[in-house]
Amino acid sequence: MYINTFKYTPADVDCKLCTEYVKKFGCTACGCPWMAERIEAGVVGYAEVVRQMFPHDKRLMARLEPLIRDFPGMLWQDERHRQRMEGVKIHLGHSKRRDTPAFFAVMFLFTSDEDIYRRAGNCLCRRGAEFDYARLHEISPHDYTLYIAARGIYTNAGGLTTRDLADAEVVDAAALRMIVNALLIARYGCAVLDIHERGRKA
């Protein structure tokens, strides 16, 4: 059996090697087409990846800029969050079919605090995410928002819109941070969890 151990390095993803790079003008792309590879190489900060992830919506950006400015150096809620998620990954084992970025995004949200994990942790099954197993009776608005976001990310239907994310009355600040980070996982994979730098301000 062959195990691919290749990992991109900063030299591999130098912007000057990209077909979108023009010596006189620099990068000519509207958005980086190699963001996932640059994340893996460790050359992307939180600011860049968040700004590229979302459309240029002034209301949403007004909420995202404080998120970027106050980035604590990790995407996790806290160290217990990381431990819970790693524990679930070990418990479930590896499954090539199940282990998609969307599944890990759901796992990230459902392990973010003790209450949501108690209510929705059993949705994380060996065959995938089963949202009917969640216990929603008397769930807090914060945790229900995370549940709706997770279901929307996984099923690509009935989730939160960018308009919802821009509205502080719909999505509180703590939930927004977790949802944004989960969306980054869903798009770019678990490599984003290795981002520790805020990155430069554009």
C-alpha atoms as a PDB file:
ATOM      1  CA  MET A   1       0.000   0.000   0.000  1.00  0.00           C
ATOM      2  CA  TYR A   2       1.309   3.461  -0.947  1.00  0.00           C
ATOM      3  CA  ILE A   3       0.772   6.318   1.515  1.00  0.00           C
ATOM      4  CA  ASN A   4       1.065   9.800   0.067  1.00  0.00           C
ATOM      5  CA  THR A   5       3.129  11.904   2.473  1.00  0.00           C
ATOM      6  CA  PHE A   6       3.615  14.899   0.172  1.00  0.00           C
ATOM      7  CA  LYS A   7       2.998  18.273   1.799  1.00  0.00           C
ATOM      8  CA  TYR A   8       3.206  21.668   0.122  1.00  0.00           C
ATOM      9  CA  THR A   9       5.987  23.965   1.284  1.00  0.00           C
ATOM     10  CA  PRO A  10       6.172  27.776   1.040  1.00  0.00           C
ATOM     11  CA  ALA A  11       8.550  27.420  -1.930  1.00  0.00           C
ATOM     12  CA  ASP A  12       6.002  25.285  -3.798  1.00  0.00           C
ATOM     13  CA  VAL A  13       3.296  27.947  -3.523  1.00  0.00           C
ATOM     14  CA  ASP A  14       5.328  31.079  -4.218  1.00  0.00           C
ATOM     15  CA  CYS A  15       2.936  33.467  -5.990  1.00  0.00           C
ATOM     16  CA  LYS A  16       5.572  34.186  -8.647  1.00  0.00           C
ATOM     17  CA  LEU A  17       5.206  30.591  -9.873  1.00  0.00           C
ATOM     18  CA  CYS A  18       1.454  30.966 -10.439  1.00  0.00           C
ATOM     19  CA  THR A  19       0.022  31.327 -13.957  1.00  0.00           C
ATOM     20  CA  GLU A  20      -2.098  34.230 -12.644  1.00  0.00           C
ATOM     21  CA  TYR A  21       1.004  36.185 -11.661  1.00  0.00           C
ATOM     22  CA  VAL A  22       2.268  38.818 -14.100  1.00  0.00           C
ATOM     23  CA  LYS A  23       5.659  40.318 -13.323  1.00  0.00           C
ATOM     24  CA  LYS A  24       4.586  43.901 -14.016  1.00  0.00           C
ATOM     25  CA  PHE A  25       1.208  43.726 -12.240  1.00  0.00           C
ATOM     26  CA  GLY A  26       1.554  40.964  -9.664  1.00  0.00           C
ATOM     27  CA  CYS A  27      -1.426  38.661  -9.081  1.00  0.00           C
ATOM     28  CA  THR A  28      -4.163  39.194 -11.681  1.00  0.00           C
ATOM     29  CA  ALA A  29      -6.708  36.748 -10.228  1.00  0.00           C
ATOM     30  CA  CYS A  30      -9.869  37.961  -8.480  1.00  0.00           C
ATOM     31  CA  GLY A  31      -9.234  35.381  -5.767  1.00  0.00           C
ATOM     32  CA  CYS A  32      -6.385  32.977  -5.137  1.00  0.00           C
ATOM     33  CA  PRO A  33      -7.026  29.745  -7.096  1.00  0.00           C
ATOM     34  CA  TRP A  34      -4.508  27.879  -4.915  1.00  0.00           C
ATOM     35  CA  MET A  35      -5.762  28.859  -1.469  1.00  0.00           C
ATOM     36  CA  ALA A  36      -6.027  25.271  -0.174  1.00  0.00           C
ATOM     37  CA  GLU A  37      -2.433  24.520  -1.170  1.00  0.00           C
ATOM     38  CA  ARG A  38      -1.195  27.787   0.385  1.00  0.00           C
ATOM     39  CA  ILE A  39      -3.047  26.969   3.613  1.00  0.00           C
ATOM     40  CA  GLU A  40      -1.351  23.567   3.703  1.00  0.00           C
ATOM     41  CA  ALA A  41       2.024  25.257   3.177  1.00  0.00           C
ATOM     42  CA  GLY A  42       1.340  27.548   6.130  1.00  0.00           C
ATOM     43  CA  VAL A  43       1.649  30.860   4.269  1.00  0.00           C
ATOM     44  CA  VAL A  44      -1.936  32.087   4.676  1.00  0.00           C
ATOM     45  CA  GLY A  45      -3.196  34.090   7.647  1.00  0.00           C
ATOM     46  CA  TYR A  46      -6.709  34.174   9.045  1.00  0.00           C
ATOM     47  CA  ALA A  47      -7.472  37.579   7.518  1.00  0.00           C
ATOM     48  CA  GLU A  48      -6.762  36.470   3.961  1.00  0.00           C
ATOM     49  CA  VAL A  49      -8.683  33.223   4.118  1.00  0.00           C
ATOM     50  CA  VAL A  50     -11.761  34.819   5.716  1.00  0.00           C
ATOM     51  CA  ARG A  51     -11.866  37.698   3.249  1.00  0.00           C
ATOM     52  CA  GLN A  52     -11.599  35.353   0.280  1.00  0.00           C
ATOM     53  CA  MET A  53     -14.229  32.992   1.663  1.00  0.00           C
ATOM     54  CA  PHE A  54     -17.038  35.532   1.728  1.00  0.00           C
ATOM     55  CA  PRO A  55     -18.482  37.867  -0.903  1.00  0.00           C
ATOM     56  CA  HIS A  56     -17.991  41.610  -0.595  1.00  0.00           C
ATOM     57  CA  ASP A  57     -21.067  42.310   1.486  1.00  0.00           C
ATOM     58  CA  LYS A  58     -20.655  45.516   3.494  1.00  0.00           C
ATOM     59  CA  ARG A  59     -22.984  44.430   6.297  1.00  0.00           C
ATOM     60  CA  LEU A  60     -21.289  41.068   6.674  1.00  0.00           C
ATOM     61  CA  MET A  61     -17.786  42.537   6.449  1.00  0.00           C
ATOM     62  CA  ALA A  62     -18.697  44.935   9.259  1.00  0.00           C
ATOM     63  CA  ARG A  63     -19.046  41.836  11.468  1.00  0.00           C
ATOM     64  CA  LEU A  64     -16.121  39.924   9.992  1.00  0.00           C
ATOM     65  CA  GLU A  65     -13.514  42.642  10.471  1.00  0.00           C
ATOM     66  CA  PRO A  66     -13.733  42.504  14.320  1.00  0.00           C
ATOM     67  CA  LEU A  67     -13.534  38.702  14.004  1.00  0.00           C
ATOM     68  CA  ILE A  68     -10.291  39.088  12.059  1.00  0.00           C
ATOM     69  CA  ARG A  69      -8.924  41.809  14.337  1.00  0.00           C
ATOM     70  CA  ASP A  70      -9.585  39.777  17.495  1.00  0.00           C
ATOM     71  CA  PHE A  71      -8.409  36.423  16.098  1.00  0.00           C
ATOM     72  CA  PRO A  72      -7.045  34.581  19.172  1.00  0.00           C
ATOM     73  CA  GLY A  73      -4.454  32.521  17.316  1.00  0.00           C
ATOM     74  CA  MET A  74      -6.576  29.402  16.804  1.00  0.00           C
ATOM     75  CA  LEU A  75      -9.886  28.479  15.196  1.00  0.00           C
ATOM     76  CA  TRP A  76     -10.952  26.395  18.199  1.00  0.00           C
ATOM     77  CA  GLN A  77     -13.261  27.812  20.863  1.00  0.00           C
ATOM     78  CA  ASP A  78     -10.696  26.691  23.435  1.00  0.00           C
ATOM     79  CA  GLU A  79      -8.400  23.751  24.166  1.00  0.00           C
ATOM     80  CA  ARG A  80     -11.314  21.638  25.435  1.00  0.00           C
ATOM     81  CA  HIS A  81     -13.007  22.105  22.067  1.00  0.00           C
ATOM     82  CA  ARG A  82      -9.935  20.728  20.294  1.00  0.00           C
ATOM     83  CA  GLN A  83      -9.765  17.780  22.689  1.00  0.00           C
ATOM     84  CA  ARG A  84     -13.458  16.938  22.202  1.00  0.00           C
ATOM     85  CA  MET A  85     -13.156  16.963  18.430  1.00  0.00           C
ATOM     86  CA  GLU A  86      -9.968  14.908  18.422  1.00  0.00           C
ATOM     87  CA  GLY A  87     -11.655  12.427  20.777  1.00  0.00           C
ATOM     88  CA  VAL A  88     -14.634  12.055  18.428  1.00  0.00           C
ATOM     89  CA  LYS A  89     -12.317  11.510  15.455  1.00  0.00           C
ATOM     90  CA  ILE A  90     -10.523   8.730  17.337  1.00  0.00           C
ATOM     91  CA  HIS A  91     -13.824   7.184  18.461  1.00  0.00           C
ATOM     92  CA  LEU A  92     -15.302   7.126  14.947  1.00  0.00           C
ATOM     93  CA  GLY A  93     -12.151   5.944  13.220  1.00  0.00           C
ATOM     94  CA  HIS A  94     -11.329   6.660   9.587  1.00  0.00           C
ATOM     95  CA  SER A  95     -13.806   6.382   6.722  1.00  0.00           C
ATOM     96  CA  LYS A  96     -12.836   7.670   3.278  1.00  0.00           C
ATOM     97  CA  ARG A  97     -16.470   8.025   2.221  1.00  0.00           C
ATOM     98  CA  ARG A  98     -17.657   9.776   5.405  1.00  0.00           C
ATOM     99  CA  ASP A  99     -14.664  11.976   6.215  1.00  0.00           C
ATOM    100  CA  THR A 100     -15.423  14.945   3.991  1.00  0.00           C
ATOM    101  CA  PRO A 101     -14.642  18.578   4.822  1.00  0.00           C
ATOM    102  CA  ALA A 102     -18.393  19.120   5.376  1.00  0.00           C
ATOM    103  CA  PHE A 103     -18.511  16.295   7.932  1.00  0.00           C
ATOM    104  CA  PHE A 104     -15.545  17.730   9.821  1.00  0.00           C
ATOM    105  CA  ALA A 105     -17.204  21.165   9.749  1.00  0.00           C
ATOM    106  CA  VAL A 106     -20.256  19.641  11.459  1.00  0.00           C
ATOM    107  CA  MET A 107     -17.990  17.896  13.963  1.00  0.00           C
ATOM    108  CA  PHE A 108     -16.251  21.215  14.651  1.00  0.00           C
ATOM    109  CA  LEU A 109     -19.569  22.897  15.473  1.00  0.00           C
ATOM    110  CA  PHE A 110     -21.020  20.006  17.481  1.00  0.00           C
ATOM    111  CA  THR A 111     -17.939  19.765  19.699  1.00  0.00           C
ATOM    112  CA  SER A 112     -17.510  23.530  20.220  1.00  0.00           C
ATOM    113  CA  ASP A 113     -18.939  23.496  23.765  1.00  0.00           C
ATOM    114  CA  GLU A 114     -20.243  20.986  26.281  1.00  0.00           C
ATOM    115  CA  ASP A 115     -23.925  21.813  25.816  1.00  0.00           C
ATOM    116  CA  ILE A 116     -24.061  21.480  22.031  1.00  0.00           C
ATOM    117  CA  TYR A 117     -21.960  18.317  22.283  1.00  0.00           C
ATOM    118  CA  ARG A 118     -24.365  16.846  24.845  1.00  0.00           C
ATOM    119  CA  ARG A 119     -27.316  17.652  22.601  1.00  0.00           C
ATOM    120  CA  ALA A 120     -25.909  16.909  19.146  1.00  0.00           C
ATOM    121  CA  GLY A 121     -22.779  14.814  19.621  1.00  0.00           C
ATOM    122  CA  ASN A 122     -24.758  11.644  18.922  1.00  0.00           C
ATOM    123  CA  CYS A 123     -25.507  13.008  15.425  1.00  0.00           C
ATOM    124  CA  LEU A 124     -21.889  12.194  14.534  1.00  0.00           C
ATOM    125  CA  CYS A 125     -22.148   8.573  13.413  1.00  0.00           C
ATOM    126  CA  ARG A 126     -19.874   6.110  11.670  1.00  0.00           C
ATOM    127  CA  ARG A 127     -21.955   6.511   8.498  1.00  0.00           C
ATOM    128  CA  GLY A 128     -22.076  10.318   8.606  1.00  0.00           C
ATOM    129  CA  ALA A 129     -24.139  13.060  10.260  1.00  0.00           C
ATOM    130  CA  GLU A 130     -27.691  12.120  11.337  1.00  0.00           C
ATOM    131  CA  PHE A 131     -29.393  15.340  12.442  1.00  0.00           C
ATOM    132  CA  ASP A 132     -32.603  13.688  13.648  1.00  0.00           C
ATOM    133  CA  TYR A 133     -30.660  12.356  16.648  1.00  0.00           C
ATOM    134  CA  ALA A 134     -30.169  15.847  18.111  1.00  0.00           C
ATOM    135  CA  ARG A 135     -32.024  16.741  21.315  1.00  0.00           C
ATOM    136  CA  LEU A 136     -33.463  20.177  20.611  1.00  0.00           C
ATOM    137  CA  HIS A 137     -35.933  20.525  23.492  1.00  0.00           C
ATOM    138  CA  GLU A 138     -35.160  23.780  25.369  1.00  0.00           C
ATOM    139  CA  ILE A 139     -31.967  24.277  23.402  1.00  0.00           C
ATOM    140  CA  SER A 140     -30.416  27.746  23.720  1.00  0.00           C
ATOM    141  CA  PRO A 141     -30.668  30.166  20.767  1.00  0.00           C
ATOM    142  CA  HIS A 142     -26.875  30.049  20.450  1.00  0.00           C
ATOM    143  CA  ASP A 143     -26.737  26.262  20.174  1.00  0.00           C
ATOM    144  CA  TYR A 144     -29.769  26.119  17.880  1.00  0.00           C
ATOM    145  CA  THR A 145     -27.995  28.543  15.542  1.00  0.00           C
ATOM    146  CA  LEU A 146     -24.977  26.206  15.476  1.00  0.00           C
ATOM    147  CA  TYR A 147     -27.281  23.245  14.807  1.00  0.00           C
ATOM    148  CA  ILE A 148     -28.975  25.003  11.859  1.00  0.00           C
ATOM    149  CA  ALA A 149     -25.604  26.075  10.466  1.00  0.00           C
ATOM    150  CA  ALA A 150     -24.189  22.543  10.728  1.00  0.00           C
ATOM    151  CA  ARG A 151     -27.218  21.003   9.044  1.00  0.00           C
ATOM    152  CA  GLY A 152     -27.040  23.579   6.249  1.00  0.00           C
ATOM    153  CA  ILE A 153     -23.321  22.987   5.663  1.00  0.00           C
ATOM    154  CA  TYR A 154     -23.774  19.219   5.508  1.00  0.00           C
ATOM    155  CA  THR A 155     -26.963  19.047   3.437  1.00  0.00           C
ATOM    156  CA  ASN A 156     -26.393  22.225   1.418  1.00  0.00           C
ATOM    157  CA  ALA A 157     -29.990  23.211   2.134  1.00  0.00           C
ATOM    158  CA  GLY A 158     -31.939  25.106   4.790  1.00  0.00           C
ATOM    159  CA  GLY A 159     -28.929  26.685   6.456  1.00  0.00           C
ATOM    160  CA  LEU A 160     -28.000  30.249   7.278  1.00  0.00           C
ATOM    161  CA  THR A 161     -27.599  32.903   4.590  1.00  0.00           C
ATOM    162  CA  THR A 162     -24.943  35.618   4.484  1.00  0.00           C
ATOM    163  CA  ARG A 163     -27.756  37.995   5.437  1.00  0.00           C
ATOM    164  CA  ASP A 164     -28.370  35.917   8.576  1.00  0.00           C
ATOM    165  CA  LEU A 165     -24.662  35.984   9.412  1.00  0.00           C
ATOM    166  CA  ALA A 166     -24.622  39.759   9.025  1.00  0.00           C
ATOM    167  CA  ASP A 167     -27.477  40.168  11.531  1.00  0.00           C
ATOM    168  CA  ALA A 168     -26.332  40.174  15.173  1.00  0.00           C
ATOM    169  CA  GLU A 169     -29.904  39.482  16.301  1.00  0.00           C
ATOM    170  CA  VAL A 170     -29.923  36.215  14.331  1.00  0.00           C
ATOM    171  CA  VAL A 171     -26.337  35.044  14.912  1.00  0.00           C
ATOM    172  CA  ASP A 172     -24.532  36.179  18.061  1.00  0.00           C
ATOM    173  CA  ALA A 173     -20.821  37.038  17.964  1.00  0.00           C
ATOM    174  CA  ALA A 174     -19.656  33.749  19.513  1.00  0.00           C
ATOM    175  CA  ALA A 175     -21.774  31.692  17.109  1.00  0.00           C
ATOM    176  CA  LEU A 176     -20.563  33.772  14.160  1.00  0.00           C
ATOM    177  CA  ARG A 177     -16.931  32.948  14.915  1.00  0.00           C
ATOM    178  CA  MET A 178     -17.630  29.221  15.142  1.00  0.00           C
ATOM    179  CA  ILE A 179     -19.785  29.209  11.983  1.00  0.00           C
ATOM    180  CA  VAL A 180     -17.239  31.179   9.955  1.00  0.00           C
ATOM    181  CA  ASN A 181     -14.504  28.783  11.046  1.00  0.00           C
ATOM    182  CA  ALA A 182     -16.691  25.773  10.210  1.00  0.00           C
ATOM    183  CA  LEU A 183     -17.347  27.197   6.747  1.00  0.00           C
ATOM    184  CA  LEU A 184     -13.598  27.533   6.247  1.00  0.00           C
ATOM    185  CA  ILE A 185     -13.203  23.846   7.143  1.00  0.00           C
ATOM    186  CA  ALA A 186     -16.017  22.894   4.758  1.00  0.00           C
ATOM    187  CA  ARG A 187     -14.313  24.707   1.878  1.00  0.00           C
ATOM    188  CA  TYR A 188     -10.616  24.141   2.536  1.00  0.00           C
ATOM    189  CA  GLY A 189     -10.488  21.091   4.807  1.00  0.00           C
ATOM    190  CA  CYS A 190      -8.991  20.595   8.259  1.00  0.00           C
ATOM    191  CA  ALA A 191      -5.704  22.209   7.185  1.00  0.00           C
ATOM    192  CA  VAL A 192      -7.246  25.565   8.167  1.00  0.00           C
ATOM    193  CA  LEU A 193      -7.115  24.427  11.789  1.00  0.00           C
ATOM    194  CA  ASP A 194      -3.337  24.913  11.594  1.00  0.00           C
ATOM    195  CA  ILE A 195      -3.694  28.660  10.967  1.00  0.00           C
ATOM    196  CA  HIS A 196      -2.267  30.530  13.955  1.00  0.00           C
ATOM    197  CA  GLU A 197      -1.558  33.979  12.531  1.00  0.00           C
ATOM    198  CA  ARG A 198      -4.068  36.729  11.906  1.00  0.00           C
ATOM    199  CA  GLY A 199      -2.164  37.864   8.818  1.00  0.00           C
ATOM    200  CA  ARG A 200      -1.700  41.286   7.367  1.00  0.00           C
ATOM    201  CA  LYS A 201      -4.479  43.834   7.065  1.00  0.00           C
ATOM    202  CA  ALA A 202      -5.525  44.368   3.461  1.00  0.00           C
END
